Structure formats: C-alpha cells, structure tokens
Amino acid sequence: MNDKSSRSHSIFNVVLNLSEIEENPLDGKTIKQTRRSKISLVDLAGSERISAHNGAGAQSGERIKEGVSINKSLLTLGKVIAALAESKKGNTFVPYRESVLTRLLKKSFI
C-alpha cells in the first residue's frame, strides 16, 4: 500500500480463532477443539488512464508510475482469475507471483 496516495490497493485480513476445551467425563482427559476462519476484505484501486497531452490535466511522473503499477496488478488479477477458471478443465499455470496483490491473495483463491 502506498502511504502517500489514496490510489492504492488495500487488504485487511481478519483471523478468527474459536477454542473449546471440554473435559471427558469418562477418563478426565481434556479435549481441545480449535476452529479457525480467515476473512480477507479487499479494496482495489480503479484502473488509471494516462493522458497523452501536457495540458493542465497532465499527470506528474510519480502519478504515472503509480497508475502503471495499479494497472499491472489489476491485469495480473484478471489473468489469475482466468487461469483458475481454465484450471477446472485441466492442468493450467496460475501466475500468482506476477504481482504483490495476487501473491497476497493466493490463499484466498484456493
């Protein structure tokens, strides 16, 4: 996430653990059961358009780099989703490692 811009992706992971400890009345031993859930909340930045002219609406170099990065991660996310849809039909390579966003979300796709 870029701390200087609102034009970035955000991922908020919530992990819930529920532990239950019960005592077995027959032998007095304790039984511990643990259930775990993970929820990922994802806020994706929209794709960026880079203007080709140098008028009043021209973007700075830093803003252009930021937009390119956002577009690359959204493109990779689309490629991962398409590859996962294809993998239902057979063995397909899924490009999780092509962007930080898809690497972070890998466990959510499985």
Protein backbone atom coordinates (compact mmCIF):
# COMPACT_ATOMS: atom_id res chain seq x y z
CA MET A 1 0.00 0.00 0.00
CA ASN A 2 1.25 3.48 -0.82
CA ASP A 3 1.11 5.69 2.29
CA LYS A 4 1.24 8.93 0.26
CA SER A 5 -1.70 8.25 -2.05
CA SER A 6 -5.29 7.11 -1.90
CA ARG A 7 -4.72 5.36 -5.26
CA SER A 8 -3.62 2.00 -3.93
CA HIS A 9 -5.00 -1.43 -3.11
CA SER A 10 -5.84 -2.31 0.49
CA ILE A 11 -6.13 -5.78 2.02
CA PHE A 12 -7.48 -6.24 5.52
CA ASN A 13 -7.25 -9.78 6.91
CA VAL A 14 -9.37 -10.88 9.86
CA VAL A 15 -8.48 -14.19 11.50
CA LEU A 16 -10.96 -15.68 13.97
CA ASN A 17 -9.95 -18.48 16.32
CA LEU A 18 -12.51 -20.31 18.44
CA SER A 19 -11.13 -22.71 21.02
CA GLU A 20 -13.26 -25.06 23.08
CA ILE A 21 -11.88 -27.05 25.97
CA GLU A 22 -14.00 -29.93 27.28
CA GLU A 23 -13.31 -32.48 29.94
CA ASN A 24 -14.18 -36.07 29.10
CA PRO A 25 -16.32 -37.39 31.99
CA LEU A 26 -15.14 -40.98 31.49
CA ASP A 27 -11.38 -40.55 31.83
CA GLY A 28 -10.97 -36.93 32.93
CA LYS A 29 -8.81 -36.01 29.95
CA THR A 30 -9.33 -32.63 28.33
CA ILE A 31 -10.21 -32.32 24.69
CA LYS A 32 -9.34 -29.10 22.91
CA GLN A 33 -11.04 -28.20 19.66
CA THR A 34 -10.00 -25.17 17.64
CA ARG A 35 -11.78 -23.70 14.66
CA ARG A 36 -10.16 -21.04 12.53
CA SER A 37 -11.62 -18.74 9.90
CA LYS A 38 -9.97 -16.11 7.77
CA ILE A 39 -11.78 -13.26 6.06
CA SER A 40 -9.99 -11.03 3.56
CA LEU A 41 -11.51 -7.65 2.79
CA VAL A 42 -10.03 -6.21 -0.39
CA ASP A 43 -10.37 -2.65 -1.69
CA LEU A 44 -8.95 -2.40 -5.20
CA ALA A 45 -7.97 0.91 -6.74
CA GLY A 46 -9.54 1.55 -10.13
CA SER A 47 -7.54 1.44 -13.34
CA GLU A 48 -5.72 4.62 -14.27
CA ARG A 49 -5.81 6.46 -17.58
CA ILE A 50 -2.67 8.36 -18.51
CA SER A 51 -3.29 11.45 -20.60
CA ALA A 52 -1.00 11.84 -23.60
CA HIS A 53 -1.01 15.66 -23.67
CA ASN A 54 0.91 18.07 -21.46
CA GLY A 55 -2.04 20.38 -20.73
CA ALA A 56 -3.40 21.42 -17.36
CA GLY A 57 -4.62 17.88 -16.71
CA ALA A 58 -1.23 16.25 -17.27
CA GLN A 59 -0.07 13.91 -14.55
CA SER A 60 3.23 14.00 -12.75
CA GLY A 61 5.82 11.26 -13.28
CA GLU A 62 5.13 9.79 -9.86
CA ARG A 63 1.39 9.64 -10.54
CA ILE A 64 2.04 7.91 -13.87
CA LYS A 65 4.25 5.27 -12.18
CA GLU A 66 1.53 4.73 -9.60
CA GLY A 67 -1.10 4.28 -12.32
CA VAL A 68 1.06 1.81 -14.23
CA SER A 69 1.56 -0.23 -11.05
CA ILE A 70 -2.19 -0.28 -10.33
CA ASN A 71 -2.99 -1.32 -13.89
CA LYS A 72 -0.35 -4.09 -13.82
CA SER A 73 -1.71 -5.60 -10.61
CA LEU A 74 -5.32 -5.45 -11.90
CA LEU A 75 -4.25 -7.08 -15.18
CA THR A 76 -2.45 -9.84 -13.26
CA LEU A 77 -5.51 -10.34 -11.05
CA GLY A 78 -7.57 -10.85 -14.21
CA LYS A 79 -5.02 -13.34 -15.55
CA VAL A 80 -5.08 -15.30 -12.26
CA ILE A 81 -8.88 -15.48 -12.25
CA ALA A 82 -8.91 -16.60 -15.91
CA ALA A 83 -6.23 -19.24 -15.22
CA LEU A 84 -8.19 -20.56 -12.23
CA ALA A 85 -11.30 -20.86 -14.40
CA GLU A 86 -9.25 -22.77 -17.01
CA SER A 87 -7.64 -25.00 -14.36
CA LYS A 88 -11.04 -26.59 -13.76
CA LYS A 89 -10.65 -28.13 -17.23
CA GLY A 90 -7.09 -29.35 -16.76
CA ASN A 91 -3.59 -28.52 -15.56
CA THR A 92 -3.00 -24.76 -16.08
CA PHE A 93 -0.25 -22.44 -14.80
CA VAL A 94 -1.63 -19.74 -12.47
CA PRO A 95 0.61 -16.60 -12.39
CA TYR A 96 0.26 -15.72 -8.68
CA ARG A 97 3.83 -14.36 -8.47
CA GLU A 98 3.47 -11.71 -11.17
CA SER A 99 2.20 -9.08 -8.71
CA VAL A 100 2.27 -8.42 -5.00
CA LEU A 101 -1.54 -8.25 -4.92
CA THR A 102 -2.02 -11.76 -6.32
CA ARG A 103 0.75 -13.15 -4.11
CA LEU A 104 -1.03 -11.78 -1.03
CA LEU A 105 -4.40 -13.11 -2.16
CA LYS A 106 -3.16 -16.57 -3.22
CA LYS A 107 -4.58 -18.37 -0.18
CA SER A 108 -7.96 -16.72 -0.77
CA PHE A 109 -8.17 -18.20 -4.29
CA ILE A 110 -7.50 -21.79 -3.25
